[in-house]
Amino acid sequence: MLDGLRQFIADVVSPNPHGDRAFDDTGYRLAATALLIHVISIDGEPSAIEKRKLHSLLENYFALDPGAADRLIASATLVEGEAVDLYHFTSVIMRSVDEEGRLRIVEMMWELVYADGQVNEFEDNVVWRAADLLGVSSRDRIDLKHRVAAKQGAAASGN
């Protein structure tokens, strides 16, 4: 169990471009995806709608084809299951992604939280903790939450 996490950290610190793990070349995509998986898994088994939304977000944000998104999700699911805290992921993202990118990752977390129409305190708390570790201000985090909630409300009402 810990071997996979050790390998992930080793790959992030010293990536091997010729390795057999397609998503260790930069590390941040794997870390961001693991963080997103953590969000949809925090309240139990992810729903089908959450899984579809995750797939869509990854395809759009990282410009992946469906097969590459599947492989990224599979790799990220493994490392997310072995992680002991969010810092493993957020530290990689902090080293690799600018403020705009980190804001987009927090926005994607909110999109996943709102995907099933139900926000619970665990989901809200994990986004708060991750945003804090990503250096996203409380104001920006809350603004993103309200923006996504408004889009979700508009989508639900057919607007």
N, C-alpha and C. Protein backbone atom coordinates (compact mmCIF):
# COMPACT_ATOMS: atom_id res chain seq x y z
N MET A 1 0.83 -1.19 0.00
CA MET A 1 0.00 0.00 0.00
C MET A 1 0.87 1.26 0.00
N LEU A 2 1.86 1.30 0.85
CA LEU A 2 2.73 2.46 0.90
C LEU A 2 3.71 2.52 -0.26
N ASP A 3 3.97 1.37 -0.89
CA ASP A 3 4.89 1.37 -2.02
C ASP A 3 4.40 2.25 -3.16
N GLY A 4 3.11 2.23 -3.42
CA GLY A 4 2.54 3.05 -4.49
C GLY A 4 2.70 4.54 -4.18
N LEU A 5 2.47 4.92 -2.92
CA LEU A 5 2.63 6.31 -2.52
C LEU A 5 4.10 6.72 -2.60
N ARG A 6 4.99 5.86 -2.17
CA ARG A 6 6.42 6.15 -2.27
C ARG A 6 6.82 6.34 -3.73
N GLN A 7 6.30 5.49 -4.60
CA GLN A 7 6.62 5.60 -6.02
C GLN A 7 6.08 6.91 -6.60
N PHE A 8 4.85 7.26 -6.19
CA PHE A 8 4.26 8.52 -6.65
C PHE A 8 5.13 9.70 -6.25
N ILE A 9 5.54 9.75 -4.99
CA ILE A 9 6.37 10.84 -4.50
C ILE A 9 7.72 10.84 -5.22
N ALA A 10 8.32 9.68 -5.40
CA ALA A 10 9.60 9.59 -6.11
C ALA A 10 9.46 10.07 -7.55
N ASP A 11 8.37 9.72 -8.19
CA ASP A 11 8.14 10.14 -9.57
C ASP A 11 7.93 11.65 -9.68
N VAL A 12 7.26 12.22 -8.68
CA VAL A 12 7.03 13.65 -8.70
C VAL A 12 8.33 14.40 -8.46
N VAL A 13 9.12 13.92 -7.50
CA VAL A 13 10.38 14.58 -7.18
C VAL A 13 11.38 14.42 -8.32
N SER A 14 11.42 13.23 -8.91
CA SER A 14 12.37 12.95 -9.99
C SER A 14 11.66 12.19 -11.10
N PRO A 15 10.86 12.91 -11.91
CA PRO A 15 10.08 12.22 -12.94
C PRO A 15 10.96 11.54 -13.98
N ASN A 16 10.50 10.38 -14.41
CA ASN A 16 11.20 9.62 -15.43
C ASN A 16 10.35 9.68 -16.71
N PRO A 17 10.76 10.47 -17.70
CA PRO A 17 9.93 10.62 -18.89
C PRO A 17 9.78 9.34 -19.69
N HIS A 18 10.62 8.35 -19.43
CA HIS A 18 10.53 7.10 -20.17
C HIS A 18 9.86 6.01 -19.35
N GLY A 19 9.27 6.39 -18.21
CA GLY A 19 8.63 5.41 -17.35
C GLY A 19 7.35 4.89 -17.95
N ASP A 20 6.80 3.89 -17.31
CA ASP A 20 5.59 3.27 -17.85
C ASP A 20 4.32 3.89 -17.27
N ARG A 21 4.43 4.88 -16.44
CA ARG A 21 3.25 5.52 -15.86
C ARG A 21 3.01 6.84 -16.59
N ALA A 22 2.00 6.86 -17.40
CA ALA A 22 1.76 7.97 -18.33
C ALA A 22 1.55 9.31 -17.64
N PHE A 23 1.12 9.33 -16.41
CA PHE A 23 0.75 10.59 -15.79
C PHE A 23 1.74 11.03 -14.72
N ASP A 24 2.92 10.48 -14.71
CA ASP A 24 3.93 10.93 -13.77
C ASP A 24 4.90 11.90 -14.41
N ASP A 25 4.66 12.26 -15.67
CA ASP A 25 5.59 13.15 -16.36
C ASP A 25 5.60 14.54 -15.74
N THR A 26 4.45 15.04 -15.29
CA THR A 26 4.43 16.32 -14.61
C THR A 26 3.97 16.19 -13.17
N GLY A 27 3.20 15.19 -12.87
CA GLY A 27 2.74 14.97 -11.50
C GLY A 27 1.50 15.75 -11.12
N TYR A 28 1.39 16.99 -11.59
CA TYR A 28 0.27 17.79 -11.10
C TYR A 28 -1.07 17.28 -11.61
N ARG A 29 -1.12 16.71 -12.81
CA ARG A 29 -2.40 16.18 -13.31
C ARG A 29 -2.86 15.02 -12.45
N LEU A 30 -1.92 14.17 -12.09
CA LEU A 30 -2.26 13.04 -11.22
C LEU A 30 -2.69 13.54 -9.85
N ALA A 31 -1.96 14.52 -9.31
CA ALA A 31 -2.28 15.06 -7.99
C ALA A 31 -3.65 15.75 -8.01
N ALA A 32 -3.92 16.54 -9.03
CA ALA A 32 -5.21 17.24 -9.13
C ALA A 32 -6.35 16.23 -9.26
N THR A 33 -6.15 15.21 -10.06
CA THR A 33 -7.19 14.20 -10.25
C THR A 33 -7.43 13.43 -8.96
N ALA A 34 -6.37 13.09 -8.24
CA ALA A 34 -6.53 12.41 -6.95
C ALA A 34 -7.31 13.28 -5.97
N LEU A 35 -7.04 14.57 -5.99
CA LEU A 35 -7.77 15.49 -5.13
C LEU A 35 -9.25 15.52 -5.51
N LEU A 36 -9.53 15.54 -6.80
CA LEU A 36 -10.93 15.53 -7.26
C LEU A 36 -11.62 14.21 -6.89
N ILE A 37 -10.90 13.12 -6.99
CA ILE A 37 -11.46 11.82 -6.61
C ILE A 37 -11.76 11.80 -5.11
N HIS A 38 -10.88 12.41 -4.34
CA HIS A 38 -11.11 12.48 -2.89
C HIS A 38 -12.42 13.23 -2.60
N VAL A 39 -12.67 14.29 -3.34
CA VAL A 39 -13.89 15.08 -3.14
C VAL A 39 -15.13 14.24 -3.39
N ILE A 40 -15.14 13.47 -4.48
CA ILE A 40 -16.36 12.70 -4.78
C ILE A 40 -16.46 11.42 -3.95
N SER A 41 -15.39 11.04 -3.29
CA SER A 41 -15.40 9.82 -2.49
C SER A 41 -15.61 10.08 -1.01
N ILE A 42 -15.53 11.33 -0.59
CA ILE A 42 -15.55 11.65 0.84
C ILE A 42 -16.85 11.24 1.52
N ASP A 43 -17.95 11.23 0.78
CA ASP A 43 -19.24 10.88 1.37
C ASP A 43 -19.69 9.47 0.99
N GLY A 44 -18.75 8.64 0.61
CA GLY A 44 -19.07 7.27 0.24
C GLY A 44 -18.70 6.99 -1.20
N GLU A 45 -19.32 6.02 -1.78
CA GLU A 45 -19.06 5.65 -3.17
C GLU A 45 -19.55 6.74 -4.11
N PRO A 46 -18.69 7.19 -5.03
CA PRO A 46 -19.13 8.23 -5.98
C PRO A 46 -20.32 7.75 -6.82
N SER A 47 -21.24 8.67 -7.05
CA SER A 47 -22.41 8.34 -7.87
C SER A 47 -22.01 8.33 -9.34
N ALA A 48 -22.87 7.77 -10.16
CA ALA A 48 -22.61 7.73 -11.60
C ALA A 48 -22.51 9.14 -12.17
N ILE A 49 -23.33 10.05 -11.68
CA ILE A 49 -23.28 11.43 -12.19
C ILE A 49 -21.97 12.11 -11.79
N GLU A 50 -21.47 11.83 -10.59
CA GLU A 50 -20.18 12.39 -10.15
C GLU A 50 -19.04 11.84 -11.00
N LYS A 51 -19.11 10.56 -11.30
CA LYS A 51 -18.07 9.95 -12.14
C LYS A 51 -18.08 10.54 -13.55
N ARG A 52 -19.28 10.72 -14.12
CA ARG A 52 -19.38 11.33 -15.45
C ARG A 52 -18.86 12.76 -15.44
N LYS A 53 -19.20 13.51 -14.39
CA LYS A 53 -18.74 14.89 -14.29
C LYS A 53 -17.22 14.94 -14.16
N LEU A 54 -16.64 14.06 -13.36
CA LEU A 54 -15.18 13.99 -13.22
C LEU A 54 -14.54 13.74 -14.57
N HIS A 55 -15.06 12.77 -15.28
CA HIS A 55 -14.53 12.42 -16.60
C HIS A 55 -14.58 13.64 -17.54
N SER A 56 -15.71 14.31 -17.55
CA SER A 56 -15.90 15.48 -18.41
C SER A 56 -14.93 16.61 -18.03
N LEU A 57 -14.79 16.87 -16.75
CA LEU A 57 -13.88 17.93 -16.30
C LEU A 57 -12.44 17.63 -16.71
N LEU A 58 -12.02 16.39 -16.55
CA LEU A 58 -10.65 16.02 -16.91
C LEU A 58 -10.41 16.12 -18.41
N GLU A 59 -11.37 15.64 -19.18
CA GLU A 59 -11.24 15.72 -20.63
C GLU A 59 -11.12 17.18 -21.08
N ASN A 60 -11.93 18.05 -20.51
CA ASN A 60 -11.92 19.46 -20.90
C ASN A 60 -10.71 20.21 -20.36
N TYR A 61 -10.42 20.07 -19.08
CA TYR A 61 -9.36 20.85 -18.46
C TYR A 61 -7.98 20.42 -18.93
N PHE A 62 -7.76 19.11 -19.04
CA PHE A 62 -6.45 18.61 -19.43
C PHE A 62 -6.38 18.24 -20.92
N ALA A 63 -7.46 18.49 -21.66
CA ALA A 63 -7.52 18.18 -23.09
C ALA A 63 -7.16 16.72 -23.36
N LEU A 64 -7.85 15.82 -22.66
CA LEU A 64 -7.60 14.39 -22.78
C LEU A 64 -8.69 13.72 -23.60
N ASP A 65 -8.32 12.65 -24.28
CA ASP A 65 -9.35 11.84 -24.92
C ASP A 65 -9.93 10.92 -23.84
N PRO A 66 -11.08 10.30 -24.10
CA PRO A 66 -11.71 9.48 -23.06
C PRO A 66 -10.81 8.37 -22.51
N GLY A 67 -10.02 7.74 -23.35
CA GLY A 67 -9.12 6.68 -22.88
C GLY A 67 -8.05 7.20 -21.94
N ALA A 68 -7.47 8.35 -22.28
CA ALA A 68 -6.45 8.95 -21.42
C ALA A 68 -7.07 9.38 -20.09
N ALA A 69 -8.29 9.90 -20.14
CA ALA A 69 -8.97 10.28 -18.90
C ALA A 69 -9.22 9.06 -18.03
N ASP A 70 -9.61 7.95 -18.64
CA ASP A 70 -9.81 6.70 -17.89
C ASP A 70 -8.52 6.26 -17.20
N ARG A 71 -7.41 6.32 -17.94
CA ARG A 71 -6.12 5.91 -17.35
C ARG A 71 -5.70 6.84 -16.22
N LEU A 72 -5.92 8.14 -16.41
CA LEU A 72 -5.60 9.10 -15.36
C LEU A 72 -6.44 8.84 -14.11
N ILE A 73 -7.71 8.60 -14.29
CA ILE A 73 -8.60 8.32 -13.15
C ILE A 73 -8.16 7.04 -12.44
N ALA A 74 -7.81 6.01 -13.20
CA ALA A 74 -7.36 4.76 -12.58
C ALA A 74 -6.08 4.97 -11.77
N SER A 75 -5.12 5.69 -12.33
CA SER A 75 -3.87 5.97 -11.60
C SER A 75 -4.14 6.81 -10.37
N ALA A 76 -4.96 7.85 -10.51
CA ALA A 76 -5.25 8.74 -9.40
C ALA A 76 -6.04 8.05 -8.30
N THR A 77 -6.91 7.13 -8.67
CA THR A 77 -7.67 6.38 -7.67
C THR A 77 -6.73 5.57 -6.79
N LEU A 78 -5.71 4.99 -7.39
CA LEU A 78 -4.73 4.22 -6.61
C LEU A 78 -3.97 5.10 -5.63
N VAL A 79 -3.43 6.22 -6.11
CA VAL A 79 -2.66 7.07 -5.20
C VAL A 79 -3.54 7.75 -4.17
N GLU A 80 -4.78 8.07 -4.53
CA GLU A 80 -5.69 8.69 -3.56
C GLU A 80 -6.00 7.72 -2.43
N GLY A 81 -6.16 6.45 -2.77
CA GLY A 81 -6.45 5.45 -1.75
C GLY A 81 -5.30 5.20 -0.79
N GLU A 82 -4.09 5.54 -1.22
CA GLU A 82 -2.90 5.32 -0.38
C GLU A 82 -2.47 6.57 0.38
N ALA A 83 -3.02 7.72 0.06
CA ALA A 83 -2.59 8.97 0.68
C ALA A 83 -3.12 9.08 2.10
N VAL A 84 -2.33 9.71 2.94
CA VAL A 84 -2.75 9.90 4.33
C VAL A 84 -3.33 11.29 4.57
N ASP A 85 -3.04 12.24 3.66
CA ASP A 85 -3.60 13.57 3.80
C ASP A 85 -3.62 14.28 2.45
N LEU A 86 -4.21 15.45 2.42
CA LEU A 86 -4.33 16.22 1.18
C LEU A 86 -3.02 16.88 0.77
N TYR A 87 -2.12 17.07 1.72
CA TYR A 87 -0.88 17.78 1.45
C TYR A 87 -0.05 17.11 0.35
N HIS A 88 -0.11 15.80 0.29
CA HIS A 88 0.64 15.09 -0.76
C HIS A 88 0.26 15.60 -2.14
N PHE A 89 -0.99 15.90 -2.33
CA PHE A 89 -1.48 16.35 -3.62
C PHE A 89 -1.34 17.86 -3.79
N THR A 90 -1.73 18.59 -2.76
CA THR A 90 -1.70 20.05 -2.89
C THR A 90 -0.28 20.58 -3.01
N SER A 91 0.69 19.93 -2.39
CA SER A 91 2.08 20.40 -2.50
C SER A 91 2.59 20.26 -3.93
N VAL A 92 2.22 19.19 -4.60
CA VAL A 92 2.61 19.00 -6.01
C VAL A 92 1.96 20.08 -6.86
N ILE A 93 0.69 20.34 -6.62
CA ILE A 93 -0.04 21.34 -7.39
C ILE A 93 0.56 22.73 -7.15
N MET A 94 0.89 23.04 -5.90
CA MET A 94 1.46 24.35 -5.58
C MET A 94 2.78 24.58 -6.32
N ARG A 95 3.57 23.54 -6.49
CA ARG A 95 4.85 23.68 -7.18
C ARG A 95 4.68 23.80 -8.70
N SER A 96 3.55 23.35 -9.22
CA SER A 96 3.41 23.22 -10.67
C SER A 96 2.38 24.12 -11.32
N VAL A 97 1.47 24.69 -10.55
CA VAL A 97 0.32 25.38 -11.12
C VAL A 97 0.26 26.82 -10.59
N ASP A 98 -0.03 27.77 -11.49
CA ASP A 98 -0.15 29.16 -11.08
C ASP A 98 -1.49 29.39 -10.37
N GLU A 99 -1.68 30.62 -9.89
CA GLU A 99 -2.88 30.93 -9.12
C GLU A 99 -4.15 30.68 -9.92
N GLU A 100 -4.16 31.07 -11.17
CA GLU A 100 -5.34 30.85 -12.01
C GLU A 100 -5.68 29.36 -12.12
N GLY A 101 -4.66 28.53 -12.27
CA GLY A 101 -4.87 27.09 -12.35
C GLY A 101 -5.38 26.52 -11.04
N ARG A 102 -4.86 27.03 -9.93
CA ARG A 102 -5.32 26.54 -8.62
C ARG A 102 -6.77 26.95 -8.38
N LEU A 103 -7.14 28.16 -8.81
CA LEU A 103 -8.54 28.57 -8.71
C LEU A 103 -9.43 27.66 -9.54
N ARG A 104 -8.95 27.28 -10.71
CA ARG A 104 -9.74 26.39 -11.58
C ARG A 104 -9.90 25.01 -10.93
N ILE A 105 -8.87 24.53 -10.26
CA ILE A 105 -8.97 23.24 -9.58
C ILE A 105 -10.01 23.31 -8.46
N VAL A 106 -10.01 24.40 -7.70
CA VAL A 106 -11.03 24.57 -6.64
C VAL A 106 -12.42 24.66 -7.26
N GLU A 107 -12.53 25.36 -8.39
CA GLU A 107 -13.82 25.44 -9.07
C GLU A 107 -14.28 24.05 -9.52
N MET A 108 -13.35 23.24 -10.02
CA MET A 108 -13.71 21.87 -10.42
C MET A 108 -14.17 21.07 -9.21
N MET A 109 -13.55 21.28 -8.06
CA MET A 109 -14.00 20.59 -6.85
C MET A 109 -15.44 20.95 -6.54
N TRP A 110 -15.76 22.25 -6.63
CA TRP A 110 -17.14 22.67 -6.39
C TRP A 110 -18.09 22.08 -7.42
N GLU A 111 -17.65 22.02 -8.68
CA GLU A 111 -18.51 21.43 -9.71
C GLU A 111 -18.82 19.97 -9.38
N LEU A 112 -17.85 19.26 -8.84
CA LEU A 112 -18.10 17.87 -8.45
C LEU A 112 -19.00 17.79 -7.22
N VAL A 113 -18.81 18.69 -6.28
CA VAL A 113 -19.66 18.71 -5.08
C VAL A 113 -21.12 18.93 -5.48
N TYR A 114 -21.34 19.85 -6.41
CA TYR A 114 -22.71 20.16 -6.83
C TYR A 114 -23.25 19.23 -7.90
N ALA A 115 -22.44 18.34 -8.42
CA ALA A 115 -22.88 17.47 -9.53
C ALA A 115 -24.10 16.64 -9.18
N ASP A 116 -24.18 16.14 -7.96
CA ASP A 116 -25.31 15.29 -7.59
C ASP A 116 -26.44 16.09 -6.93
N GLY A 117 -26.28 17.41 -6.86
CA GLY A 117 -27.34 18.25 -6.30
C GLY A 117 -27.38 18.26 -4.79
N GLN A 118 -26.45 17.57 -4.15
CA GLN A 118 -26.44 17.49 -2.69
C GLN A 118 -25.06 17.87 -2.17
N VAL A 119 -25.01 18.89 -1.33
CA VAL A 119 -23.75 19.30 -0.72
C VAL A 119 -23.82 18.91 0.75
N ASN A 120 -22.84 18.13 1.18
CA ASN A 120 -22.84 17.80 2.61
C ASN A 120 -21.63 18.43 3.28
N GLU A 121 -21.62 18.39 4.59
CA GLU A 121 -20.57 19.07 5.35
C GLU A 121 -19.19 18.47 5.09
N PHE A 122 -19.09 17.19 4.77
CA PHE A 122 -17.79 16.57 4.49
C PHE A 122 -17.20 17.13 3.20
N GLU A 123 -18.04 17.25 2.18
CA GLU A 123 -17.59 17.79 0.90
C GLU A 123 -17.17 19.25 1.06
N ASP A 124 -18.00 20.02 1.74
CA ASP A 124 -17.70 21.43 1.98
C ASP A 124 -16.37 21.57 2.73
N ASN A 125 -16.17 20.73 3.72
CA ASN A 125 -14.96 20.79 4.53
C ASN A 125 -13.71 20.41 3.74
N VAL A 126 -13.81 19.39 2.91
CA VAL A 126 -12.62 18.97 2.15
C VAL A 126 -12.24 20.03 1.11
N VAL A 127 -13.21 20.70 0.52
CA VAL A 127 -12.89 21.78 -0.42
C VAL A 127 -12.25 22.93 0.35
N TRP A 128 -12.76 23.26 1.50
CA TRP A 128 -12.18 24.32 2.33
C TRP A 128 -10.72 24.01 2.66
N ARG A 129 -10.45 22.77 3.13
CA ARG A 129 -9.08 22.40 3.50
C ARG A 129 -8.15 22.40 2.29
N ALA A 130 -8.62 21.84 1.17
CA ALA A 130 -7.78 21.79 -0.03
C ALA A 130 -7.51 23.19 -0.55
N ALA A 131 -8.53 24.04 -0.59
CA ALA A 131 -8.35 25.42 -1.06
C ALA A 131 -7.33 26.15 -0.19
N ASP A 132 -7.41 25.94 1.10
CA ASP A 132 -6.46 26.57 2.01
C ASP A 132 -5.04 26.11 1.70
N LEU A 133 -4.86 24.82 1.50
CA LEU A 133 -3.54 24.27 1.18
C LEU A 133 -3.05 24.73 -0.20
N LEU A 134 -3.99 25.07 -1.08
CA LEU A 134 -3.64 25.54 -2.42
C LEU A 134 -3.42 27.06 -2.47
N GLY A 135 -3.53 27.71 -1.32
CA GLY A 135 -3.31 29.14 -1.27
C GLY A 135 -4.45 29.95 -1.86
N VAL A 136 -5.63 29.36 -1.92
CA VAL A 136 -6.82 30.05 -2.42
C VAL A 136 -7.51 30.70 -1.22
N SER A 137 -7.75 31.99 -1.33
CA SER A 137 -8.34 32.74 -0.21
C SER A 137 -9.77 32.26 0.07
N SER A 138 -10.20 32.52 1.30
CA SER A 138 -11.58 32.19 1.68
C SER A 138 -12.57 32.90 0.77
N ARG A 139 -12.27 34.15 0.47
CA ARG A 139 -13.16 34.93 -0.40
C ARG A 139 -13.28 34.28 -1.78
N ASP A 140 -12.14 33.91 -2.38
CA ASP A 140 -12.18 33.27 -3.70
C ASP A 140 -12.90 31.92 -3.63
N ARG A 141 -12.64 31.16 -2.57
CA ARG A 141 -13.28 29.85 -2.42
C ARG A 141 -14.80 30.00 -2.35
N ILE A 142 -15.26 30.96 -1.57
CA ILE A 142 -16.70 31.17 -1.42
C ILE A 142 -17.30 31.73 -2.71
N ASP A 143 -16.59 32.66 -3.37
CA ASP A 143 -17.06 33.18 -4.65
C ASP A 143 -17.21 32.05 -5.68
N LEU A 144 -16.23 31.16 -5.72
CA LEU A 144 -16.31 30.03 -6.65
C LEU A 144 -17.49 29.12 -6.30
N LYS A 145 -17.69 28.91 -5.02
CA LYS A 145 -18.82 28.07 -4.58
C LYS A 145 -20.13 28.68 -5.05
N HIS A 146 -20.30 29.98 -4.85
CA HIS A 146 -21.55 30.64 -5.25
C HIS A 146 -21.71 30.65 -6.77
N ARG A 147 -20.63 30.84 -7.50
CA ARG A 147 -20.69 30.83 -8.96
C ARG A 147 -21.14 29.46 -9.47
N VAL A 148 -20.55 28.39 -8.92
CA VAL A 148 -20.92 27.04 -9.35
C VAL A 148 -22.35 26.72 -8.93
N ALA A 149 -22.73 27.13 -7.72
CA ALA A 149 -24.10 26.88 -7.26
C ALA A 149 -25.11 27.59 -8.15
N ALA A 150 -24.78 28.82 -8.57
CA ALA A 150 -25.68 29.56 -9.46
C ALA A 150 -25.79 28.87 -10.81
N LYS A 151 -24.66 28.40 -11.35
CA LYS A 151 -24.69 27.67 -12.63
C LYS A 151 -25.50 26.40 -12.48
N GLN A 152 -25.33 25.71 -11.36
CA GLN A 152 -26.06 24.48 -11.12
C GLN A 152 -27.56 24.76 -11.03
N GLY A 153 -27.91 25.86 -10.36
CA GLY A 153 -29.32 26.24 -10.24
C GLY A 153 -29.91 26.59 -11.59
N ALA A 154 -29.14 27.29 -12.40
CA ALA A 154 -29.60 27.66 -13.74
C ALA A 154 -29.76 26.41 -14.60
N ALA A 155 -28.84 25.47 -14.48
CA ALA A 155 -28.93 24.24 -15.25
C ALA A 155 -30.12 23.40 -14.82
N ALA A 156 -30.37 23.38 -13.50
CA ALA A 156 -31.48 22.58 -12.99
C ALA A 156 -32.83 23.17 -13.40
N SER A 157 -32.88 24.50 -13.53
CA SER A 157 -34.15 25.11 -13.91
C SER A 157 -34.32 25.20 -15.43
N GLY A 158 -33.30 24.74 -16.17
CA GLY A 158 -33.40 24.72 -17.61
C GLY A 158 -32.94 25.99 -18.29
N ASN A 159 -32.32 26.90 -17.53
CA ASN A 159 -31.83 28.17 -18.11
C ASN A 159 -30.46 28.03 -18.68
